[in-house]
C-alpha atoms as a PDB file:
ATOM      1  CA  THR A   1    -123.492-121.376-136.846  1.00  0.00           C
ATOM      2  CA  ASP A   2    -121.432-120.117-139.820  1.00  0.00           C
ATOM      3  CA  VAL A   3    -117.657-120.043-139.514  1.00  0.00           C
ATOM      4  CA  THR A   4    -117.106-118.272-142.879  1.00  0.00           C
ATOM      5  CA  ASN A   5    -116.077-115.003-141.239  1.00  0.00           C
ATOM      6  CA  ALA A   6    -114.260-116.626-138.336  1.00  0.00           C
ATOM      7  CA  VAL A   7    -110.997-117.237-140.208  1.00  0.00           C
ATOM      8  CA  GLU A   8    -109.521-116.318-143.581  1.00  0.00           C
ATOM      9  CA  ILE A   9    -109.021-119.496-145.594  1.00  0.00           C
ATOM     10  CA  ASN A  10    -108.857-120.675-149.171  1.00  0.00           C
ATOM     11  CA  HIS A  11    -112.072-122.550-150.065  1.00  0.00           C
ATOM     12  CA  ASN A  12    -110.004-125.527-151.167  1.00  0.00           C
ATOM     13  CA  GLY A  13    -108.209-125.721-147.817  1.00  0.00           C
ATOM     14  CA  THR A  14    -108.967-127.993-144.908  1.00  0.00           C
ATOM     15  CA  MET A  15    -110.345-126.784-141.601  1.00  0.00           C
ATOM     16  CA  ARG A  16    -110.450-128.456-138.198  1.00  0.00           C
ATOM     17  CA  VAL A  17    -113.509-127.942-136.011  1.00  0.00           C
ATOM     18  CA  MET A  18    -114.015-129.138-132.438  1.00  0.00           C
ATOM     19  CA  ILE A  19    -117.405-128.761-130.731  1.00  0.00           C
ATOM     20  CA  HIS A  20    -117.584-129.458-127.019  1.00  0.00           C
ATOM     21  CA  SER A  21    -119.546-128.626-123.867  1.00  0.00           C
ATOM     22  CA  ARG A  22    -119.452-129.526-120.199  1.00  0.00           C
ATOM     23  CA  HIS A  23    -123.195-130.187-119.868  1.00  0.00           C
ATOM     24  CA  LEU A  24    -124.350-130.719-123.470  1.00  0.00           C
ATOM     25  CA  GLN A  25    -123.943-133.519-125.980  1.00  0.00           C
ATOM     26  CA  VAL A  26    -123.537-132.882-129.714  1.00  0.00           C
ATOM     27  CA  LYS A  27    -124.613-134.846-132.780  1.00  0.00           C
ATOM     28  CA  ILE A  28    -123.696-133.834-136.327  1.00  0.00           C
ATOM     29  CA  PRO A  29    -125.973-134.576-139.292  1.00  0.00           C
ATOM     30  CA  ARG A  30    -125.342-137.172-141.945  1.00  0.00           C
ATOM     31  CA  LEU A  31    -123.333-135.519-144.684  1.00  0.00           C
ATOM     32  CA  GLY A  32    -125.314-134.357-147.720  1.00  0.00           C
ATOM     33  CA  PHE A  33    -122.458-134.632-150.209  1.00  0.00           C
ATOM     34  CA  ASN A  34    -121.990-137.732-152.346  1.00  0.00           C
ATOM     35  CA  ASN A  35    -118.222-137.425-152.289  1.00  0.00           C
ATOM     36  CA  SER A  36    -117.757-135.818-148.900  1.00  0.00           C
ATOM     37  CA  THR A  37    -114.192-135.325-147.752  1.00  0.00           C
ATOM     38  CA  VAL A  38    -115.066-134.529-144.136  1.00  0.00           C
ATOM     39  CA  VAL A  39    -113.255-136.822-141.694  1.00  0.00           C
ATOM     40  CA  LEU A  40    -114.262-137.410-138.077  1.00  0.00           C
ATOM     41  CA  SER A  41    -111.438-137.926-135.622  1.00  0.00           C
ATOM     42  CA  ASP A  42    -111.204-141.278-133.822  1.00  0.00           C
ATOM     43  CA  ASN A  43    -113.743-142.746-136.288  1.00  0.00           C
ATOM     44  CA  MET A  44    -116.659-141.414-134.240  1.00  0.00           C
ATOM     45  CA  PRO A  45    -120.087-142.569-135.428  1.00  0.00           C
ATOM     46  CA  ARG A  46    -121.946-139.640-136.983  1.00  0.00           C
ATOM     47  CA  ASN A  47    -125.446-140.525-135.856  1.00  0.00           C
ATOM     48  CA  SER A  48    -124.811-140.443-132.099  1.00  0.00           C
ATOM     49  CA  TYR A  49    -124.245-137.858-129.366  1.00  0.00           C
ATOM     50  CA  HIS A  50    -120.816-136.937-127.996  1.00  0.00           C
ATOM     51  CA  LYS A  51    -119.514-134.590-125.297  1.00  0.00           C
ATOM     52  CA  SER A  52    -116.774-133.534-127.712  1.00  0.00           C
ATOM     53  CA  ILE A  53    -116.581-134.070-131.446  1.00  0.00           C
ATOM     54  CA  GLU A  54    -113.806-133.120-133.860  1.00  0.00           C
ATOM     55  CA  PHE A  55    -113.833-133.203-137.658  1.00  0.00           C
ATOM     56  CA  TYR A  56    -111.856-131.947-140.654  1.00  0.00           C
ATOM     57  CA  GLY A  57    -112.936-130.822-144.106  1.00  0.00           C
ATOM     58  CA  PRO A  58    -113.420-127.994-146.617  1.00  0.00           C
ATOM     59  CA  LEU A  59    -115.233-124.822-145.618  1.00  0.00           C
ATOM     60  CA  GLU A  60    -118.433-125.479-147.594  1.00  0.00           C
ATOM     61  CA  GLU A  61    -119.004-128.873-145.979  1.00  0.00           C
ATOM     62  CA  ILE A  62    -118.004-127.622-142.525  1.00  0.00           C
ATOM     63  CA  ASN A  63    -120.672-124.915-142.689  1.00  0.00           C
ATOM     64  CA  TRP A  64    -123.249-127.403-143.929  1.00  0.00           C
ATOM     65  CA  ILE A  65    -122.545-129.578-140.891  1.00  0.00           C
ATOM     66  CA  LEU A  66    -122.658-126.668-138.425  1.00  0.00           C
ATOM     67  CA  CYS A  67    -126.081-125.632-139.733  1.00  0.00           C
ATOM     68  CA  GLY A  68    -127.472-129.049-138.808  1.00  0.00           C
ATOM     69  CA  ILE A  69    -125.967-130.006-135.445  1.00  0.00           C
ATOM     70  CA  THR A  70    -128.357-131.106-132.707  1.00  0.00           C
ATOM     71  CA  LEU A  71    -127.841-130.801-128.967  1.00  0.00           C
ATOM     72  CA  ARG A  72    -129.203-132.438-125.859  1.00  0.00           C
ATOM     73  CA  GLY A  73    -128.445-131.884-122.203  1.00  0.00           C
ATOM     74  CA  ASP A  74    -126.865-134.454-119.932  1.00  0.00           C
ATOM     75  CA  THR A  75    -129.267-136.674-118.005  1.00  0.00           C
ATOM     76  CA  HIS A  76    -131.164-134.669-115.364  1.00  0.00           C
ATOM     77  CA  PHE A  77    -129.218-131.496-116.234  1.00  0.00           C
ATOM     78  CA  ASN A  78    -131.162-128.235-116.382  1.00  0.00           C
ATOM     79  CA  THR A  79    -130.439-124.560-115.921  1.00  0.00           C
ATOM     80  CA  ARG A  80    -133.464-123.755-113.726  1.00  0.00           C
ATOM     81  CA  ARG A  81    -131.162-122.859-110.795  1.00  0.00           C
ATOM     82  CA  ARG A  82    -127.804-122.921-112.608  1.00  0.00           C
ATOM     83  CA  SER A  83    -125.861-120.775-115.023  1.00  0.00           C
ATOM     84  CA  PRO A  84    -126.583-121.340-118.741  1.00  0.00           C
ATOM     85  CA  ALA A  85    -124.898-124.259-120.495  1.00  0.00           C
ATOM     86  CA  ILE A  86    -122.130-123.174-122.859  1.00  0.00           C
ATOM     87  CA  LEU A  87    -121.328-124.710-126.236  1.00  0.00           C
ATOM     88  CA  HIS A  88    -117.786-124.075-127.517  1.00  0.00           C
ATOM     89  CA  ILE A  89    -116.811-124.195-131.198  1.00  0.00           C
ATOM     90  CA  ASP A  90    -113.064-124.263-131.822  1.00  0.00           C
ATOM     91  CA  VAL A  91    -111.989-123.620-135.452  1.00  0.00           C
ATOM     92  CA  GLU A  92    -108.502-123.857-136.964  1.00  0.00           C
ATOM     93  CA  ASP A  93    -107.477-123.403-140.614  1.00  0.00           C
ATOM     94  CA  ALA A  94    -104.758-125.060-142.672  1.00  0.00           C
ATOM     95  CA  TYR A  95    -102.274-122.355-141.662  1.00  0.00           C
ATOM     96  CA  GLY A  96    -102.806-122.763-137.914  1.00  0.00           C
ATOM     97  CA  ALA A  97    -104.951-119.638-137.447  1.00  0.00           C
ATOM     98  CA  ARG A  98    -107.429-120.426-134.681  1.00  0.00           C
ATOM     99  CA  THR A  99    -110.549-118.907-133.155  1.00  0.00           C
ATOM    100  CA  VAL A 100    -113.068-120.054-130.560  1.00  0.00           C
ATOM    101  CA  GLY A 101    -116.742-119.115-130.505  1.00  0.00           C
ATOM    102  CA  SER A 102    -119.275-119.940-127.828  1.00  0.00           C
ATOM    103  CA  MET A 103    -123.004-119.731-127.225  1.00  0.00           C
ATOM    104  CA  GLU A 104    -125.181-120.045-124.148  1.00  0.00           C
ATOM    105  CA  LEU A 105    -128.190-122.340-123.894  1.00  0.00           C
ATOM    106  CA  LEU A 106    -130.956-122.572-121.307  1.00  0.00           C
ATOM    107  CA  VAL A 107    -132.199-126.079-120.528  1.00  0.00           C
ATOM    108  CA  ASP A 108    -135.651-126.256-118.969  1.00  0.00           C
ATOM    109  CA  ALA A 109    -136.370-128.791-116.245  1.00  0.00           C
ATOM    110  CA  VAL A 110    -138.808-131.540-117.275  1.00  0.00           C
ATOM    111  CA  ASN A 111    -139.832-134.679-115.351  1.00  0.00           C
ATOM    112  CA  ASP A 112    -137.102-134.472-112.720  1.00  0.00           C
ATOM    113  CA  LYS A 113    -137.745-136.532-109.600  1.00  0.00           C
ATOM    114  CA  PRO A 114    -138.603-134.707-106.371  1.00  0.00           C
ATOM    115  CA  LYS A 115    -135.933-134.834-103.683  1.00  0.00           C
ATOM    116  CA  VAL A 116    -136.456-135.436 -99.987  1.00  0.00           C
ATOM    117  CA  MET A 117    -133.977-133.353 -98.014  1.00  0.00           C
ATOM    118  CA  ILE A 118    -133.155-134.541 -94.483  1.00  0.00           C
ATOM    119  CA  GLN A 119    -131.067-132.226 -92.360  1.00  0.00           C
ATOM    120  CA  LEU A 120    -128.668-132.982 -89.543  1.00  0.00           C
ATOM    121  CA  PRO A 121    -129.058-134.254 -86.887  1.00  0.00           C
ATOM    122  CA  LEU A 122    -132.203-136.026 -88.147  1.00  0.00           C
ATOM    123  CA  ILE A 123    -130.270-137.784 -90.915  1.00  0.00           C
ATOM    124  CA  MET A 124    -128.280-139.592 -88.209  1.00  0.00           C
ATOM    125  CA  GLY A 125    -131.478-141.127 -86.832  1.00  0.00           C
ATOM    126  CA  LEU A 126    -134.197-140.244 -84.361  1.00  0.00           C
ATOM    127  CA  VAL A 127    -134.364-141.816 -80.898  1.00  0.00           C
ATOM    128  CA  VAL A 128    -137.886-142.186 -79.507  1.00  0.00           C
ATOM    129  CA  GLU A 129    -138.547-143.699 -76.098  1.00  0.00           C
ATOM    130  CA  GLU A 130    -141.243-146.306 -75.833  1.00  0.00           C
ATOM    131  CA  ASP A 131    -144.824-145.005 -75.428  1.00  0.00           C
ATOM    132  CA  THR A 132    -143.749-141.381 -75.991  1.00  0.00           C
ATOM    133  CA  THR A 133    -143.950-138.981 -78.910  1.00  0.00           C
ATOM    134  CA  ALA A 134    -141.217-137.003 -80.657  1.00  0.00           C
ATOM    135  CA  GLN A 135    -141.534-134.106 -83.071  1.00  0.00           C
ATOM    136  CA  VAL A 136    -139.918-134.641 -86.477  1.00  0.00           C
ATOM    137  CA  LEU A 137    -138.151-131.545 -87.824  1.00  0.00           C
ATOM    138  CA  GLY A 138    -135.654-130.976 -90.629  1.00  0.00           C
ATOM    139  CA  ILE A 139    -137.443-132.708 -93.527  1.00  0.00           C
ATOM    140  CA  SER A 140    -138.234-130.814 -96.728  1.00  0.00           C
ATOM    141  CA  VAL A 141    -139.090-131.555-100.356  1.00  0.00           C
ATOM    142  CA  GLN A 142    -137.513-130.006-103.463  1.00  0.00           C
ATOM    143  CA  ASP A 143    -138.652-130.294-107.071  1.00  0.00           C
ATOM    144  CA  VAL A 144    -136.935-128.121-109.707  1.00  0.00           C
ATOM    145  CA  ASP A 145    -139.668-128.456-112.328  1.00  0.00           C
ATOM    146  CA  CYS A 146    -142.603-127.885-109.975  1.00  0.00           C
ATOM    147  CA  SER A 147    -143.984-124.345-109.905  1.00  0.00           C
ATOM    148  CA  ASP A 148    -145.309-122.735-106.718  1.00  0.00           C
ATOM    149  CA  ASP A 149    -148.947-123.417-107.622  1.00  0.00           C
ATOM    150  CA  GLU A 150    -148.536-127.039-108.784  1.00  0.00           C
ATOM    151  CA  PHE A 151    -149.583-129.883-106.507  1.00  0.00           C
ATOM    152  CA  LEU A 152    -147.423-132.683-105.138  1.00  0.00           C
ATOM    153  CA  GLU A 153    -148.492-135.772-103.258  1.00  0.00           C
ATOM    154  CA  LEU A 154    -146.855-136.510 -99.917  1.00  0.00           C
ATOM    155  CA  GLN A 155    -147.112-139.882 -98.220  1.00  0.00           C
ATOM    156  CA  LEU A 156    -145.843-140.405 -94.682  1.00  0.00           C
ATOM    157  CA  SER A 157    -145.787-143.889 -93.197  1.00  0.00           C
ATOM    158  CA  SER A 158    -144.183-145.868 -90.404  1.00  0.00           C
ATOM    159  CA  ALA A 159    -144.008-149.635 -90.110  1.00  0.00           C
ATOM    160  CA  PHE A 160    -143.281-149.643 -86.384  1.00  0.00           C
ATOM    161  CA  GLY A 161    -144.908-146.466 -85.180  1.00  0.00           C
ATOM    162  CA  SER A 162    -147.738-144.040 -85.820  1.00  0.00           C
ATOM    163  CA  ILE A 163    -147.802-140.486 -87.175  1.00  0.00           C
ATOM    164  CA  TYR A 164    -149.698-137.347 -86.281  1.00  0.00           C
ATOM    165  CA  VAL A 165    -149.524-134.096 -88.258  1.00  0.00           C
ATOM    166  CA  LEU A 166    -150.779-130.781 -86.863  1.00  0.00           C
ATOM    167  CA  GLY A 167    -153.847-129.597 -88.761  1.00  0.00           C
ATOM    168  CA  LYS A 168    -153.984-132.698 -90.985  1.00  0.00           C
ATOM    169  CA  THR A 169    -154.918-135.614 -88.755  1.00  0.00           C
ATOM    170  CA  ASP A 170    -157.127-135.975 -85.707  1.00  0.00           C
ATOM    171  CA  SER A 171    -155.159-138.842 -84.201  1.00  0.00           C
ATOM    172  CA  PHE A 172    -152.094-140.992 -84.702  1.00  0.00           C
ATOM    173  CA  SER A 173    -152.138-143.353 -87.689  1.00  0.00           C
ATOM    174  CA  GLN A 174    -149.633-145.520 -89.559  1.00  0.00           C
ATOM    175  CA  SER A 175    -149.819-143.519 -92.772  1.00  0.00           C
ATOM    176  CA  LEU A 176    -150.886-140.166 -94.162  1.00  0.00           C
ATOM    177  CA  VAL A 177    -151.387-139.064 -97.770  1.00  0.00           C
ATOM    178  CA  THR A 178    -151.944-135.416 -98.687  1.00  0.00           C
ATOM    179  CA  ARG A 179    -151.855-133.343-101.899  1.00  0.00           C
ATOM    180  CA  SER A 180    -150.831-129.694-101.818  1.00  0.00           C
ATOM    181  CA  THR A 181    -148.346-127.137-103.142  1.00  0.00           C
ATOM    182  CA  ILE A 182    -144.677-127.645-102.367  1.00  0.00           C
ATOM    183  CA  LYS A 183    -144.805-124.798 -99.830  1.00  0.00           C
ATOM    184  CA  GLU A 184    -147.671-126.435 -97.939  1.00  0.00           C
ATOM    185  CA  ILE A 185    -146.062-129.862 -98.293  1.00  0.00           C
ATOM    186  CA  ASN A 186    -142.976-128.598 -96.495  1.00  0.00           C
ATOM    187  CA  LYS A 187    -145.139-127.167 -93.717  1.00  0.00           C
ATOM    188  CA  VAL A 188    -146.722-130.589 -93.267  1.00  0.00           C
ATOM    189  CA  SER A 189    -143.413-132.479 -93.316  1.00  0.00           C
ATOM    190  CA  ASN A 190    -142.130-130.257 -90.499  1.00  0.00           C
ATOM    191  CA  SER A 191    -145.284-130.452 -88.375  1.00  0.00           C
ATOM    192  CA  GLY A 192    -145.259-134.172 -87.662  1.00  0.00           C
ATOM    193  CA  PHE A 193    -144.989-136.208 -84.503  1.00  0.00           C
ATOM    194  CA  ILE A 194    -144.082-139.879 -84.364  1.00  0.00           C
ATOM    195  CA  GLN A 195    -145.071-142.302 -81.634  1.00  0.00           C
ATOM    196  CA  LYS A 196    -143.214-145.566 -81.080  1.00  0.00           C
ATOM    197  CA  LYS A 197    -145.381-148.640 -80.826  1.00  0.00           C
END
């Protein structure tokens, strides 16, 4: 990112730059000038990531820094099912002239944990009378970084009952393990019966 054309400024003047983002963290490079005059606000360490970082200095050094910033997303943040992340760069010159630039970034989902979704009223608990069976509905699995043709492993178990799944088991058992696509997994998780011991 080059701010040369963003504002009109004397090359010997001082500029203020603030970089910030809601879902991204920013790290600026170590300065490559022996006698650098760039100053970071609040004495921020240069070799670490920040949600917002502000610094002052001459145009040449500012542009050198902006060409070497690195970004990373917040923990578990991705844009698979969200709007792009936005990075804002706020620039102000020695005379108070100010401009704001922004750029969008897509963050791919990698190694996010699957989620087990339990709907009402099942989340409030299931009442099963002794020696009877009850169908379990309202359970599904989500995984943002799992494509439609990738396989997941589903394990169902009950310490005080037994489980039967239509098309997967021939009789009731205390546990069931199956590997399939997320679409088939969700069919299985909504085709189960539980029997109280």
